[in-house]
N, C-alpha and C. Protein backbone atom coordinates (compact mmCIF):
# COMPACT_ATOMS: atom_id res chain seq x y z
N MET A 1 0.84 -1.16 0.00
CA MET A 1 0.00 0.00 0.00
C MET A 1 0.90 1.24 0.00
N SER A 2 0.66 2.18 -0.90
CA SER A 2 1.47 3.39 -0.99
C SER A 2 0.88 4.48 -0.12
N ASP A 3 1.72 5.48 0.20
CA ASP A 3 1.25 6.61 1.00
C ASP A 3 0.29 7.49 0.21
N GLU A 4 0.37 7.46 -1.14
CA GLU A 4 -0.49 8.30 -1.96
C GLU A 4 -1.94 7.82 -1.95
N ASN A 5 -2.16 6.53 -1.72
CA ASN A 5 -3.51 5.98 -1.79
C ASN A 5 -3.76 5.06 -0.59
N PRO A 6 -3.74 5.63 0.62
CA PRO A 6 -3.95 4.77 1.79
C PRO A 6 -5.39 4.31 1.91
N THR A 7 -5.56 3.16 2.51
CA THR A 7 -6.90 2.68 2.81
C THR A 7 -7.37 3.39 4.06
N ARG A 8 -8.48 4.06 3.96
CA ARG A 8 -9.00 4.79 5.11
C ARG A 8 -10.43 4.36 5.39
N PRO A 9 -10.68 3.99 6.63
CA PRO A 9 -12.07 3.68 6.99
C PRO A 9 -12.90 4.97 7.02
N THR A 10 -14.18 4.80 6.85
CA THR A 10 -15.13 5.90 6.96
C THR A 10 -15.75 5.88 8.34
N ALA A 11 -15.79 7.03 9.00
CA ALA A 11 -16.44 7.13 10.30
C ALA A 11 -17.92 7.40 10.07
N LYS A 12 -18.74 6.41 10.40
CA LYS A 12 -20.19 6.55 10.24
C LYS A 12 -20.82 7.33 11.38
N ALA A 13 -20.23 7.19 12.57
CA ALA A 13 -20.80 7.86 13.74
C ALA A 13 -19.74 7.96 14.83
N ARG A 14 -19.94 8.92 15.71
CA ARG A 14 -19.08 9.09 16.89
C ARG A 14 -20.00 9.27 18.09
N ARG A 15 -19.68 8.51 19.16
CA ARG A 15 -20.48 8.58 20.38
C ARG A 15 -19.54 8.84 21.55
N GLN A 16 -19.78 9.93 22.27
CA GLN A 16 -18.97 10.20 23.45
C GLN A 16 -19.45 9.28 24.58
N VAL A 17 -18.50 8.55 25.19
CA VAL A 17 -18.86 7.58 26.23
C VAL A 17 -18.37 7.99 27.61
N ALA A 18 -17.42 8.92 27.67
CA ALA A 18 -16.92 9.38 28.98
C ALA A 18 -16.12 10.65 28.77
N ALA A 19 -15.90 11.35 29.88
CA ALA A 19 -15.06 12.55 29.87
C ALA A 19 -14.59 12.79 31.29
N ASN A 20 -13.41 13.41 31.39
CA ASN A 20 -12.94 13.90 32.67
C ASN A 20 -12.28 15.26 32.43
N SER A 21 -11.52 15.75 33.37
CA SER A 21 -10.95 17.09 33.21
C SER A 21 -9.89 17.15 32.12
N MET A 22 -9.31 16.02 31.70
CA MET A 22 -8.23 16.02 30.72
C MET A 22 -8.60 15.41 29.37
N PHE A 23 -9.59 14.50 29.33
CA PHE A 23 -9.88 13.75 28.12
C PHE A 23 -11.37 13.69 27.83
N ASP A 24 -11.69 13.59 26.54
CA ASP A 24 -13.00 13.15 26.07
C ASP A 24 -12.76 11.76 25.47
N ILE A 25 -13.66 10.82 25.75
CA ILE A 25 -13.53 9.44 25.29
C ILE A 25 -14.70 9.14 24.34
N PHE A 26 -14.35 8.63 23.16
CA PHE A 26 -15.36 8.37 22.14
C PHE A 26 -15.30 6.92 21.67
N PHE A 27 -16.43 6.43 21.18
CA PHE A 27 -16.49 5.22 20.36
C PHE A 27 -16.87 5.68 18.96
N ASP A 28 -16.00 5.40 17.99
CA ASP A 28 -16.29 5.71 16.59
C ASP A 28 -16.74 4.43 15.90
N HIS A 29 -17.75 4.56 15.03
CA HIS A 29 -18.21 3.45 14.20
C HIS A 29 -17.49 3.58 12.87
N LEU A 30 -16.53 2.68 12.62
CA LEU A 30 -15.71 2.73 11.41
C LEU A 30 -16.10 1.62 10.45
N VAL A 31 -16.10 1.96 9.16
CA VAL A 31 -16.41 1.00 8.10
C VAL A 31 -15.34 1.15 7.03
N GLU A 32 -14.84 -0.01 6.56
CA GLU A 32 -13.85 -0.02 5.49
C GLU A 32 -14.24 -1.12 4.50
N ALA A 33 -14.29 -0.76 3.22
CA ALA A 33 -14.67 -1.73 2.19
C ALA A 33 -13.65 -2.85 2.14
N PRO A 34 -13.99 -4.06 1.80
CA PRO A 34 -15.35 -4.43 1.47
C PRO A 34 -16.21 -4.81 2.69
N ARG A 35 -15.64 -5.48 3.70
CA ARG A 35 -16.51 -5.93 4.80
C ARG A 35 -15.87 -5.77 6.16
N ARG A 36 -15.06 -4.77 6.35
CA ARG A 36 -14.45 -4.57 7.66
C ARG A 36 -15.19 -3.45 8.38
N GLU A 37 -15.51 -3.73 9.66
CA GLU A 37 -16.29 -2.76 10.42
C GLU A 37 -15.99 -2.92 11.91
N VAL A 38 -15.89 -1.79 12.59
CA VAL A 38 -15.73 -1.76 14.04
C VAL A 38 -16.75 -0.76 14.58
N ALA A 39 -17.66 -1.23 15.40
CA ALA A 39 -18.73 -0.36 15.90
C ALA A 39 -18.31 0.48 17.10
N ASP A 40 -17.22 0.09 17.77
CA ASP A 40 -16.84 0.80 19.00
C ASP A 40 -15.33 1.04 19.07
N PHE A 41 -14.77 1.66 18.03
CA PHE A 41 -13.35 1.95 17.98
C PHE A 41 -13.05 3.06 18.99
N LEU A 42 -12.18 2.76 19.95
CA LEU A 42 -11.88 3.69 21.04
C LEU A 42 -10.97 4.83 20.57
N VAL A 43 -11.39 6.07 20.85
CA VAL A 43 -10.59 7.26 20.58
C VAL A 43 -10.54 8.10 21.85
N VAL A 44 -9.33 8.40 22.30
CA VAL A 44 -9.12 9.25 23.47
C VAL A 44 -8.63 10.60 22.95
N GLN A 45 -9.35 11.66 23.29
CA GLN A 45 -9.07 13.01 22.79
C GLN A 45 -8.72 13.92 23.97
N PRO A 46 -7.45 14.34 24.10
CA PRO A 46 -7.13 15.33 25.14
C PRO A 46 -7.92 16.62 24.94
N LYS A 47 -8.20 17.32 26.03
CA LYS A 47 -9.03 18.53 25.99
C LYS A 47 -8.37 19.68 25.24
N HIS A 48 -7.06 19.84 25.38
CA HIS A 48 -6.38 20.98 24.75
C HIS A 48 -5.36 20.49 23.74
N MET A 49 -5.37 21.14 22.57
CA MET A 49 -4.46 20.78 21.48
C MET A 49 -4.05 22.07 20.77
N ASP A 50 -2.76 22.20 20.46
CA ASP A 50 -2.36 23.40 19.71
C ASP A 50 -2.65 23.19 18.23
N ALA A 51 -2.32 24.18 17.42
CA ALA A 51 -2.63 24.14 15.98
C ALA A 51 -1.90 23.03 15.25
N HIS A 52 -0.85 22.47 15.85
CA HIS A 52 -0.07 21.40 15.21
C HIS A 52 -0.39 20.02 15.78
N GLY A 53 -1.43 19.91 16.57
CA GLY A 53 -1.83 18.63 17.13
C GLY A 53 -1.07 18.24 18.39
N ILE A 54 -0.33 19.18 18.99
CA ILE A 54 0.41 18.90 20.22
C ILE A 54 -0.54 19.01 21.40
N THR A 55 -0.61 17.94 22.19
CA THR A 55 -1.49 17.92 23.36
C THR A 55 -0.71 17.87 24.66
N GLY A 56 0.57 17.52 24.58
CA GLY A 56 1.37 17.40 25.79
C GLY A 56 2.84 17.59 25.51
N VAL A 57 3.62 17.55 26.59
CA VAL A 57 5.07 17.72 26.50
C VAL A 57 5.76 16.71 27.40
N CYS A 58 7.01 16.42 27.07
CA CYS A 58 7.87 15.61 27.91
C CYS A 58 9.25 16.27 27.85
N VAL A 59 9.84 16.52 29.02
CA VAL A 59 11.09 17.27 29.08
C VAL A 59 12.11 16.52 29.91
N LEU A 60 13.33 16.43 29.38
CA LEU A 60 14.42 15.75 30.07
C LEU A 60 15.33 16.79 30.71
N PRO A 61 15.29 16.92 32.05
CA PRO A 61 16.15 17.88 32.74
C PRO A 61 17.58 17.38 32.83
N VAL A 62 18.54 18.24 32.49
CA VAL A 62 19.96 17.89 32.52
C VAL A 62 20.67 18.78 33.52
N MET A 63 21.39 18.13 34.44
CA MET A 63 22.21 18.83 35.43
C MET A 63 23.61 18.23 35.35
N GLY A 64 24.53 18.96 34.73
CA GLY A 64 25.88 18.43 34.55
C GLY A 64 25.86 17.23 33.63
N ASP A 65 26.40 16.09 34.11
CA ASP A 65 26.41 14.87 33.30
C ASP A 65 25.31 13.89 33.71
N ARG A 66 24.31 14.41 34.43
CA ARG A 66 23.20 13.56 34.87
C ARG A 66 21.87 14.15 34.40
N VAL A 67 20.87 13.28 34.33
CA VAL A 67 19.51 13.70 34.00
C VAL A 67 18.59 13.39 35.18
N ALA A 68 17.52 14.14 35.27
CA ALA A 68 16.54 13.95 36.35
C ALA A 68 15.33 13.20 35.82
N LEU A 69 14.97 12.12 36.51
CA LEU A 69 13.75 11.37 36.20
C LEU A 69 12.89 11.31 37.45
N VAL A 70 11.59 11.26 37.24
CA VAL A 70 10.64 11.22 38.34
C VAL A 70 10.24 9.77 38.60
N ASP A 71 10.33 9.36 39.86
CA ASP A 71 9.90 8.03 40.29
C ASP A 71 8.43 8.17 40.66
N CYS A 72 7.56 7.56 39.88
CA CYS A 72 6.12 7.75 40.10
C CYS A 72 5.37 6.43 40.02
N TYR A 73 4.28 6.36 40.74
CA TYR A 73 3.42 5.18 40.73
C TYR A 73 2.44 5.30 39.58
N ARG A 74 2.35 4.27 38.76
CA ARG A 74 1.41 4.23 37.64
C ARG A 74 0.32 3.22 37.94
N HIS A 75 -0.85 3.73 38.29
CA HIS A 75 -1.97 2.89 38.71
C HIS A 75 -2.34 1.80 37.70
N PRO A 76 -2.45 2.11 36.39
CA PRO A 76 -2.82 1.04 35.46
C PRO A 76 -1.83 -0.13 35.45
N LEU A 77 -0.54 0.14 35.71
CA LEU A 77 0.47 -0.92 35.75
C LEU A 77 0.59 -1.54 37.14
N GLY A 78 0.15 -0.81 38.16
CA GLY A 78 0.28 -1.29 39.53
C GLY A 78 1.72 -1.31 40.01
N ARG A 79 2.53 -0.37 39.50
CA ARG A 79 3.94 -0.35 39.89
C ARG A 79 4.55 1.02 39.67
N MET A 80 5.76 1.18 40.21
CA MET A 80 6.52 2.41 40.04
C MET A 80 7.15 2.43 38.65
N SER A 81 7.39 3.65 38.17
CA SER A 81 8.00 3.85 36.86
C SER A 81 8.88 5.10 36.91
N LEU A 82 10.07 5.01 36.35
CA LEU A 82 10.95 6.18 36.24
C LEU A 82 10.65 6.84 34.90
N GLU A 83 10.31 8.13 34.95
CA GLU A 83 9.89 8.82 33.74
C GLU A 83 10.41 10.25 33.72
N ALA A 84 10.58 10.78 32.51
CA ALA A 84 10.87 12.20 32.36
C ALA A 84 9.60 12.98 32.72
N PRO A 85 9.76 14.17 33.27
CA PRO A 85 8.58 14.99 33.59
C PRO A 85 7.74 15.22 32.33
N LYS A 86 6.44 15.12 32.49
CA LYS A 86 5.55 15.31 31.34
C LYS A 86 4.20 15.81 31.80
N GLY A 87 3.46 16.33 30.86
CA GLY A 87 2.11 16.78 31.17
C GLY A 87 1.44 17.36 29.95
N PHE A 88 0.23 17.82 30.16
CA PHE A 88 -0.59 18.39 29.10
C PHE A 88 -0.27 19.87 28.91
N ILE A 89 -0.52 20.36 27.69
CA ILE A 89 -0.47 21.80 27.48
C ILE A 89 -1.80 22.37 27.97
N ASP A 90 -1.74 23.56 28.51
CA ASP A 90 -2.95 24.26 28.92
C ASP A 90 -3.45 25.10 27.76
N ALA A 91 -4.71 25.49 27.81
CA ALA A 91 -5.30 26.33 26.75
C ALA A 91 -4.48 27.60 26.60
N GLY A 92 -4.09 27.91 25.36
CA GLY A 92 -3.34 29.12 25.06
C GLY A 92 -1.85 29.03 25.36
N GLU A 93 -1.38 27.89 25.81
CA GLU A 93 0.02 27.71 26.19
C GLU A 93 0.79 27.09 25.01
N THR A 94 2.01 27.56 24.78
CA THR A 94 2.86 26.94 23.76
C THR A 94 3.49 25.69 24.35
N PRO A 95 3.94 24.76 23.50
CA PRO A 95 4.64 23.59 24.04
C PRO A 95 5.86 23.97 24.88
N ALA A 96 6.63 24.97 24.47
CA ALA A 96 7.81 25.38 25.25
C ALA A 96 7.40 25.91 26.62
N GLN A 97 6.34 26.70 26.67
CA GLN A 97 5.84 27.20 27.96
C GLN A 97 5.40 26.04 28.85
N ALA A 98 4.70 25.08 28.26
CA ALA A 98 4.24 23.91 29.02
C ALA A 98 5.43 23.10 29.53
N ALA A 99 6.48 22.96 28.71
CA ALA A 99 7.66 22.20 29.14
C ALA A 99 8.33 22.87 30.34
N LEU A 100 8.49 24.18 30.30
CA LEU A 100 9.11 24.89 31.43
C LEU A 100 8.24 24.80 32.68
N ARG A 101 6.92 24.87 32.50
CA ARG A 101 6.00 24.75 33.64
C ARG A 101 6.06 23.36 34.25
N GLU A 102 5.99 22.32 33.40
CA GLU A 102 6.04 20.94 33.91
C GLU A 102 7.38 20.65 34.58
N LEU A 103 8.46 21.16 34.02
CA LEU A 103 9.79 21.00 34.61
C LEU A 103 9.79 21.53 36.04
N ALA A 104 9.27 22.74 36.23
CA ALA A 104 9.24 23.35 37.57
C ALA A 104 8.29 22.60 38.50
N GLU A 105 7.08 22.28 38.00
CA GLU A 105 6.09 21.63 38.85
C GLU A 105 6.53 20.26 39.33
N GLU A 106 7.07 19.44 38.42
CA GLU A 106 7.34 18.04 38.76
C GLU A 106 8.72 17.79 39.35
N THR A 107 9.66 18.75 39.18
CA THR A 107 11.02 18.50 39.67
C THR A 107 11.58 19.60 40.56
N GLY A 108 10.99 20.79 40.54
CA GLY A 108 11.55 21.93 41.25
C GLY A 108 12.68 22.59 40.50
N LEU A 109 12.95 22.15 39.27
CA LEU A 109 14.06 22.68 38.49
C LEU A 109 13.58 23.72 37.49
N SER A 110 14.54 24.52 37.01
CA SER A 110 14.25 25.48 35.96
C SER A 110 15.46 25.58 35.04
N CYS A 111 15.23 26.16 33.87
CA CYS A 111 16.32 26.43 32.94
C CYS A 111 15.96 27.68 32.15
N ALA A 112 16.95 28.31 31.56
CA ALA A 112 16.70 29.47 30.71
C ALA A 112 15.97 29.00 29.45
N ALA A 113 15.12 29.87 28.90
CA ALA A 113 14.38 29.52 27.69
C ALA A 113 15.32 29.11 26.56
N ALA A 114 16.50 29.73 26.48
CA ALA A 114 17.47 29.39 25.44
C ALA A 114 18.07 28.00 25.63
N ASP A 115 17.97 27.45 26.84
CA ASP A 115 18.49 26.10 27.13
C ASP A 115 17.44 25.01 26.97
N LEU A 116 16.25 25.38 26.54
CA LEU A 116 15.20 24.41 26.27
C LEU A 116 15.27 24.04 24.79
N ILE A 117 15.67 22.82 24.50
CA ILE A 117 15.92 22.38 23.13
C ILE A 117 14.83 21.41 22.69
N ARG A 118 14.18 21.73 21.57
CA ARG A 118 13.11 20.86 21.04
C ARG A 118 13.74 19.67 20.32
N LEU A 119 13.24 18.47 20.62
CA LEU A 119 13.75 17.24 20.02
C LEU A 119 12.67 16.49 19.24
N GLY A 120 11.74 17.22 18.65
CA GLY A 120 10.72 16.60 17.82
C GLY A 120 9.45 16.27 18.59
N THR A 121 8.67 15.37 18.02
CA THR A 121 7.41 14.96 18.63
C THR A 121 7.28 13.45 18.56
N VAL A 122 6.30 12.95 19.29
CA VAL A 122 5.99 11.52 19.28
C VAL A 122 4.48 11.38 19.46
N ALA A 123 3.92 10.36 18.85
CA ALA A 123 2.52 10.00 19.07
C ALA A 123 2.54 8.82 20.04
N PRO A 124 2.20 9.04 21.32
CA PRO A 124 2.39 7.99 22.32
C PRO A 124 1.59 6.71 22.07
N GLU A 125 0.42 6.82 21.53
CA GLU A 125 -0.39 5.63 21.22
C GLU A 125 -1.33 6.01 20.08
N PRO A 126 -0.80 6.05 18.83
CA PRO A 126 -1.60 6.58 17.72
C PRO A 126 -2.82 5.74 17.35
N GLY A 127 -2.90 4.53 17.85
CA GLY A 127 -4.08 3.71 17.58
C GLY A 127 -5.26 4.05 18.48
N ILE A 128 -5.01 4.88 19.52
CA ILE A 128 -6.07 5.22 20.47
C ILE A 128 -6.13 6.72 20.76
N ILE A 129 -4.97 7.35 20.96
CA ILE A 129 -4.94 8.74 21.41
C ILE A 129 -4.76 9.68 20.23
N ASN A 130 -5.64 10.66 20.13
CA ASN A 130 -5.55 11.70 19.11
C ASN A 130 -4.70 12.84 19.68
N GLY A 131 -3.40 12.75 19.51
CA GLY A 131 -2.54 13.81 20.00
C GLY A 131 -1.08 13.42 19.92
N ARG A 132 -0.23 14.43 19.92
CA ARG A 132 1.21 14.21 19.90
C ARG A 132 1.84 14.93 21.08
N VAL A 133 3.01 14.46 21.48
CA VAL A 133 3.76 15.02 22.60
C VAL A 133 5.02 15.66 22.04
N ALA A 134 5.26 16.93 22.41
CA ALA A 134 6.50 17.62 22.03
C ALA A 134 7.59 17.22 23.01
N LEU A 135 8.76 16.86 22.48
CA LEU A 135 9.88 16.41 23.30
C LEU A 135 10.91 17.52 23.43
N PHE A 136 11.42 17.70 24.65
CA PHE A 136 12.41 18.74 24.93
C PHE A 136 13.50 18.18 25.84
N THR A 137 14.67 18.77 25.74
CA THR A 137 15.69 18.61 26.76
C THR A 137 15.92 19.98 27.36
N ALA A 138 16.07 20.02 28.67
CA ALA A 138 16.31 21.26 29.40
C ALA A 138 17.74 21.22 29.92
N LEU A 139 18.63 21.96 29.27
CA LEU A 139 20.04 21.96 29.62
C LEU A 139 20.30 22.95 30.77
N ASN A 140 21.39 22.70 31.49
CA ASN A 140 21.84 23.62 32.54
C ASN A 140 20.76 23.91 33.57
N CYS A 141 20.05 22.89 33.99
CA CYS A 141 18.99 23.07 34.98
C CYS A 141 19.57 23.43 36.34
N SER A 142 18.80 24.18 37.09
CA SER A 142 19.18 24.53 38.46
C SER A 142 17.94 24.49 39.33
N GLY A 143 18.16 24.46 40.64
CA GLY A 143 17.07 24.43 41.59
C GLY A 143 17.23 23.27 42.55
N ALA A 144 16.31 23.20 43.50
CA ALA A 144 16.32 22.12 44.49
C ALA A 144 15.33 21.03 44.04
N LEU A 145 15.81 19.80 43.95
CA LEU A 145 14.96 18.70 43.52
C LEU A 145 13.82 18.48 44.51
N ARG A 146 12.62 18.38 43.98
CA ARG A 146 11.44 18.08 44.79
C ARG A 146 10.33 17.64 43.85
N VAL A 147 9.37 16.90 44.39
CA VAL A 147 8.19 16.52 43.61
C VAL A 147 7.03 17.42 44.00
N ASP A 148 6.07 17.52 43.12
CA ASP A 148 4.87 18.31 43.37
C ASP A 148 4.00 17.57 44.38
N PRO A 149 3.82 18.13 45.59
CA PRO A 149 3.02 17.42 46.59
C PRO A 149 1.54 17.29 46.23
N ALA A 150 1.08 18.08 45.27
CA ALA A 150 -0.32 18.03 44.88
C ALA A 150 -0.59 16.96 43.82
N GLU A 151 0.46 16.40 43.22
CA GLU A 151 0.27 15.43 42.15
C GLU A 151 0.34 14.01 42.71
N ILE A 152 -0.69 13.24 42.46
CA ILE A 152 -0.80 11.89 43.01
C ILE A 152 0.26 10.97 42.40
N GLY A 153 0.88 10.16 43.25
CA GLY A 153 1.79 9.11 42.80
C GLY A 153 3.25 9.49 42.65
N LEU A 154 3.59 10.79 42.70
CA LEU A 154 4.99 11.17 42.54
C LEU A 154 5.73 10.91 43.85
N ALA A 155 6.82 10.13 43.77
CA ALA A 155 7.55 9.74 44.98
C ALA A 155 8.84 10.51 45.16
N ALA A 156 9.62 10.68 44.09
CA ALA A 156 10.93 11.33 44.22
C ALA A 156 11.44 11.72 42.84
N VAL A 157 12.40 12.65 42.83
CA VAL A 157 13.13 12.99 41.62
C VAL A 157 14.54 12.44 41.82
N ARG A 158 15.01 11.69 40.84
CA ARG A 158 16.33 11.07 40.94
C ARG A 158 17.25 11.58 39.84
N LEU A 159 18.49 11.88 40.20
CA LEU A 159 19.52 12.23 39.22
C LEU A 159 20.28 10.97 38.85
N LEU A 160 20.38 10.69 37.55
CA LEU A 160 21.04 9.47 37.08
C LEU A 160 22.06 9.80 36.00
N ASP A 161 23.20 9.10 36.05
CA ASP A 161 24.19 9.23 34.99
C ASP A 161 23.88 8.19 33.91
N LYS A 162 24.66 8.20 32.83
CA LYS A 162 24.39 7.30 31.69
C LYS A 162 24.37 5.83 32.12
N GLY A 163 25.32 5.42 32.95
CA GLY A 163 25.36 4.03 33.40
C GLY A 163 24.15 3.65 34.22
N GLU A 164 23.71 4.56 35.09
CA GLU A 164 22.51 4.29 35.91
C GLU A 164 21.26 4.22 35.04
N ILE A 165 21.18 5.08 34.02
CA ILE A 165 20.03 5.03 33.11
C ILE A 165 20.00 3.68 32.39
N ASP A 166 21.15 3.26 31.88
CA ASP A 166 21.22 1.97 31.19
C ASP A 166 20.80 0.83 32.12
N SER A 167 21.23 0.88 33.37
CA SER A 167 20.86 -0.15 34.35
C SER A 167 19.36 -0.14 34.62
N GLU A 168 18.77 1.05 34.74
CA GLU A 168 17.33 1.16 34.99
C GLU A 168 16.51 0.68 33.79
N ILE A 169 17.01 0.93 32.59
CA ILE A 169 16.33 0.41 31.39
C ILE A 169 16.42 -1.11 31.37
N GLU A 170 17.59 -1.65 31.61
CA GLU A 170 17.79 -3.10 31.63
C GLU A 170 16.91 -3.77 32.68
N ALA A 171 16.76 -3.13 33.84
CA ALA A 171 15.94 -3.68 34.93
C ALA A 171 14.45 -3.43 34.71
N GLU A 172 14.09 -2.80 33.59
CA GLU A 172 12.71 -2.47 33.23
C GLU A 172 12.03 -1.59 34.27
N ARG A 173 12.79 -0.66 34.84
CA ARG A 173 12.19 0.37 35.70
C ARG A 173 11.89 1.64 34.90
N ILE A 174 12.49 1.76 33.71
CA ILE A 174 12.11 2.80 32.75
C ILE A 174 11.38 2.07 31.64
N LEU A 175 10.05 2.15 31.68
CA LEU A 175 9.21 1.45 30.71
C LEU A 175 8.44 2.39 29.78
N ASP A 176 8.31 3.62 30.20
CA ASP A 176 7.52 4.60 29.45
C ASP A 176 8.15 4.84 28.08
N ALA A 177 7.40 4.59 27.03
CA ALA A 177 7.92 4.70 25.66
C ALA A 177 8.33 6.13 25.33
N VAL A 178 7.61 7.12 25.81
CA VAL A 178 7.96 8.51 25.52
C VAL A 178 9.29 8.85 26.18
N THR A 179 9.49 8.44 27.42
CA THR A 179 10.76 8.68 28.11
C THR A 179 11.90 7.96 27.40
N LEU A 180 11.68 6.73 26.99
CA LEU A 180 12.73 5.97 26.29
C LEU A 180 13.12 6.65 24.98
N LEU A 181 12.13 7.12 24.21
CA LEU A 181 12.43 7.81 22.96
C LEU A 181 13.15 9.13 23.24
N LEU A 182 12.72 9.85 24.26
CA LEU A 182 13.38 11.12 24.60
C LEU A 182 14.84 10.88 24.99
N LEU A 183 15.11 9.86 25.79
CA LEU A 183 16.49 9.53 26.14
C LEU A 183 17.31 9.20 24.89
N CYS A 184 16.73 8.45 23.97
CA CYS A 184 17.40 8.09 22.72
C CYS A 184 17.70 9.34 21.89
N ARG A 185 16.73 10.20 21.74
CA ARG A 185 16.94 11.43 20.94
C ARG A 185 17.95 12.35 21.62
N TYR A 186 17.91 12.43 22.94
CA TYR A 186 18.89 13.25 23.68
C TYR A 186 20.31 12.73 23.41
N ARG A 187 20.49 11.43 23.52
CA ARG A 187 21.82 10.86 23.30
C ARG A 187 22.30 11.08 21.87
N SER A 188 21.41 10.99 20.90
CA SER A 188 21.83 11.15 19.50
C SER A 188 21.92 12.61 19.08
N SER A 189 21.44 13.54 19.92
CA SER A 189 21.45 14.96 19.57
C SER A 189 22.83 15.59 19.70
N GLY A 190 23.74 14.92 20.39
CA GLY A 190 25.05 15.48 20.62
C GLY A 190 25.13 16.30 21.89
N ALA A 191 23.99 16.55 22.54
CA ALA A 191 23.99 17.32 23.78
C ALA A 191 24.41 16.47 24.96
N ALA A 192 24.31 15.14 24.81
CA ALA A 192 24.65 14.23 25.92
C ALA A 192 26.14 14.15 26.16
């Protein structure tokens, strides 16, 4: 199948089945010739999206030769996960503004706007979520490490060097695909 003539299902109907403060949840009725049909295709739509389809950010804080990752409990997995700080963009907020805000909220760190480097985007789960995440590295971070006491599940912010990151990946304590891709792009960017 070529990119010029992709097979695209037709959406016959959309039914909203749930919503919360961050997402609208839909079931789409999709039909594709000749006889393929899904009556309840799940679509998760974040509430805020910029003009380029960016709904969230993920930022890798760098302090010297180490990076900061947040140790957080992920309820759907029933376990702790080491992840780069991330979150949604707010209405009217640019991805860079959201990255600096999330950096401060989740780690207590800050960096100059000129030290915030964009490393592309990622679609965290394109089969379900309608949105992309802007990836950033925050160089020359400063501040006192702390987690946001208002955010559920955040346990600690940890500084890790390259060897410790590799060990945490090997031990499957870094499982988040967005964090793994961000670490990969950071290492290949030459900033590492």
